[in-house]
Amino acid sequence: MAVGVRTFTARTRIARPPEAVFEWVADYRNVPRVLEGVTRWRPLTDRVRGRGARFEVEMRALGLPLGNVLEIDCWTPPRSIGWRSVAGPIEQAGCWRFEPVPGGTEVTLTIDYRPPGGAPGAALMARLDGLVRGRLERGLERMQLALERDR
């Protein structure tokens, strides 16, 4: 991705080892538990983990459903999980990174996407940056609480 790409990054520290955090994120059923606006995250194949797994994803933005098909293209236990869109109106890619730190794991979630609709779409999405960043940050807070509570 290049021109017109929007990037969002959020970080948190979780008092669990990278292996535990990786496994929690690797379970696709946990995604809607933490990421606001995600209404569907459904496997499209029998493969639900690892490189090549595909998911039908739907997110609500401005009250509208936005669907994509995402494919896992990076799977490096317990360090990272990455994806890219292979179908849908919004070209996107992202990555979870899990870095060991004293007492746990630093988790970084980065999402890059190209808004649909050229310059008008990019202008609209620029106005929504704060909303999207807030959703990511709250999602990581919920993830931290879930992981630290479910020991």
Protein backbone atom coordinates (compact mmCIF):
# COMPACT_ATOMS: atom_id res chain seq x y z
CA MET A 1 0.00 0.00 0.00
CA ALA A 2 1.21 3.51 -0.67
CA VAL A 3 -0.48 6.84 -1.46
CA GLY A 4 -3.67 7.52 0.48
CA VAL A 5 -3.03 4.81 3.05
CA ARG A 6 -4.19 5.47 6.63
CA THR A 7 -2.25 3.81 9.46
CA PHE A 8 -3.44 3.21 13.00
CA THR A 9 -1.33 1.80 15.81
CA ALA A 10 -2.26 0.97 19.39
CA ARG A 11 -0.15 -0.59 22.16
CA THR A 12 -0.64 -2.11 25.57
CA ARG A 13 1.26 -4.21 28.09
CA ILE A 14 -0.23 -7.42 29.36
CA ALA A 15 1.00 -9.29 32.43
CA ARG A 16 1.15 -12.61 30.56
CA PRO A 17 3.93 -14.26 28.53
CA PRO A 18 4.01 -13.74 24.73
CA GLU A 19 2.98 -17.37 24.14
CA ALA A 20 -0.28 -16.91 26.08
CA VAL A 21 -1.08 -13.59 24.40
CA PHE A 22 -0.30 -15.00 20.94
CA GLU A 23 -2.58 -18.00 21.53
CA TRP A 24 -5.42 -15.76 22.72
CA VAL A 25 -5.20 -13.53 19.63
CA ALA A 26 -4.76 -16.60 17.38
CA ASP A 27 -8.24 -17.77 18.42
CA TYR A 28 -10.39 -15.89 15.88
CA ARG A 29 -13.39 -16.08 18.24
CA ASN A 30 -11.71 -13.53 20.54
CA VAL A 31 -11.51 -10.75 17.92
CA PRO A 32 -15.15 -9.58 18.18
CA ARG A 33 -14.82 -9.69 22.00
CA VAL A 34 -12.37 -6.80 21.92
CA LEU A 35 -12.64 -4.86 18.66
CA GLU A 36 -15.59 -2.48 18.64
CA GLY A 37 -17.68 -2.46 15.52
CA VAL A 38 -16.68 -5.96 14.38
CA THR A 39 -19.96 -7.77 13.79
CA ARG A 40 -18.59 -10.82 11.98
CA TRP A 41 -15.29 -12.71 11.93
CA ARG A 42 -16.09 -16.05 10.34
CA PRO A 43 -13.70 -18.64 8.90
CA LEU A 44 -14.16 -19.33 5.20
CA THR A 45 -12.19 -22.59 5.22
CA ASP A 46 -11.46 -25.43 7.62
CA ARG A 47 -8.13 -23.73 8.31
CA VAL A 48 -8.64 -21.26 11.18
CA ARG A 49 -4.99 -20.73 12.17
CA GLY A 50 -1.77 -20.05 10.37
CA ARG A 51 -0.74 -18.67 7.03
CA GLY A 52 -3.46 -18.99 4.42
CA ALA A 53 -6.44 -19.01 6.82
CA ARG A 54 -9.24 -16.81 5.43
CA PHE A 55 -12.01 -14.99 7.24
CA GLU A 56 -15.12 -13.10 6.25
CA VAL A 57 -15.06 -9.93 8.32
CA GLU A 58 -17.71 -7.29 8.75
CA MET A 59 -17.35 -4.04 10.63
CA ARG A 60 -19.82 -1.23 11.13
CA ALA A 61 -18.66 2.30 10.39
CA LEU A 62 -21.01 5.27 10.35
CA GLY A 63 -23.84 2.76 10.69
CA LEU A 64 -22.90 1.00 7.46
CA PRO A 65 -21.64 -2.59 7.24
CA LEU A 66 -18.25 -2.90 5.55
CA GLY A 67 -17.25 -6.42 4.59
CA ASN A 68 -13.90 -7.84 3.57
CA VAL A 69 -12.20 -11.17 3.14
CA LEU A 70 -8.94 -11.26 5.08
CA GLU A 71 -6.14 -13.77 4.71
CA ILE A 72 -3.46 -14.49 7.29
CA ASP A 73 -0.13 -13.86 5.54
CA CYS A 74 2.23 -13.80 8.53
CA TRP A 75 2.26 -16.37 11.31
CA THR A 76 5.33 -16.40 13.54
CA PRO A 77 4.51 -17.89 16.96
CA PRO A 78 4.76 -16.31 19.48
CA ARG A 79 5.90 -13.05 17.84
CA SER A 80 3.43 -11.91 15.17
CA ILE A 81 0.22 -12.48 13.23
CA GLY A 82 -0.39 -10.48 10.06
CA TRP A 83 -3.13 -10.27 7.45
CA ARG A 84 -4.15 -8.57 4.23
CA SER A 85 -7.45 -8.12 2.46
CA VAL A 86 -8.04 -10.28 -0.59
CA ALA A 87 -11.61 -9.11 -1.39
CA GLY A 88 -13.87 -6.27 -0.39
CA PRO A 89 -14.20 -2.53 -0.82
CA ILE A 90 -11.41 -1.58 1.60
CA GLU A 91 -7.83 -2.58 0.87
CA GLN A 92 -6.15 -3.26 4.19
CA ALA A 93 -3.32 -5.03 5.96
CA GLY A 94 -2.38 -5.34 9.58
CA CYS A 95 -0.20 -6.98 12.14
CA TRP A 96 -0.23 -8.00 15.79
CA ARG A 97 3.23 -8.00 17.39
CA PHE A 98 4.05 -9.56 20.75
CA GLU A 99 7.31 -8.47 22.38
CA PRO A 100 8.53 -9.91 25.69
CA VAL A 101 9.05 -7.26 28.36
CA PRO A 102 9.75 -7.61 32.08
CA GLY A 103 6.60 -8.98 33.66
CA GLY A 104 4.75 -9.76 30.44
CA THR A 105 4.22 -8.77 26.83
CA GLU A 106 4.02 -5.52 24.91
CA VAL A 107 1.29 -5.89 22.29
CA THR A 108 1.21 -3.66 19.21
CA LEU A 109 -1.66 -3.69 16.74
CA THR A 110 -1.11 -1.85 13.46
CA ILE A 111 -3.72 -1.52 10.72
CA ASP A 112 -3.08 0.07 7.31
CA TYR A 113 -5.95 0.67 4.93
CA ARG A 114 -6.80 2.61 1.82
CA PRO A 115 -10.19 4.35 2.10
CA PRO A 116 -12.56 3.71 -0.80
CA GLY A 117 -13.75 6.60 -2.94
CA GLY A 118 -10.44 8.30 -3.71
CA ALA A 119 -9.85 11.79 -2.30
CA PRO A 120 -13.42 12.26 -0.93
CA GLY A 121 -13.21 8.92 0.90
CA ALA A 122 -9.79 9.80 2.31
CA ALA A 123 -11.05 13.20 3.50
CA LEU A 124 -14.01 11.59 5.26
CA MET A 125 -11.83 8.94 6.90
CA ALA A 126 -9.33 11.55 8.07
CA ARG A 127 -12.17 13.10 10.08
CA LEU A 128 -12.83 9.69 11.66
CA ASP A 129 -9.22 8.98 12.69
CA GLY A 130 -9.91 9.74 16.36
CA LEU A 131 -12.88 7.39 16.43
CA VAL A 132 -10.89 4.55 14.85
CA ARG A 133 -7.89 5.08 17.14
CA GLY A 134 -10.18 5.16 20.17
CA ARG A 135 -11.78 1.86 19.11
CA LEU A 136 -8.36 0.22 18.79
CA GLU A 137 -7.15 1.53 22.15
CA ARG A 138 -10.35 0.44 23.94
CA GLY A 139 -10.08 -2.93 22.22
CA LEU A 140 -6.57 -3.48 23.55
CA GLU A 141 -7.71 -2.43 27.03
CA ARG A 142 -10.50 -5.05 26.90
CA MET A 143 -8.00 -7.62 25.65
CA GLN A 144 -5.64 -6.83 28.53
CA LEU A 145 -8.46 -7.19 31.07
CA ALA A 146 -9.65 -10.46 29.54
CA LEU A 147 -6.18 -12.01 29.47
CA GLU A 148 -5.19 -10.90 32.94
CA ARG A 149 -8.55 -11.94 34.41
CA ASP A 150 -8.66 -15.37 32.68
CA ARG A 151 -5.36 -16.68 34.04
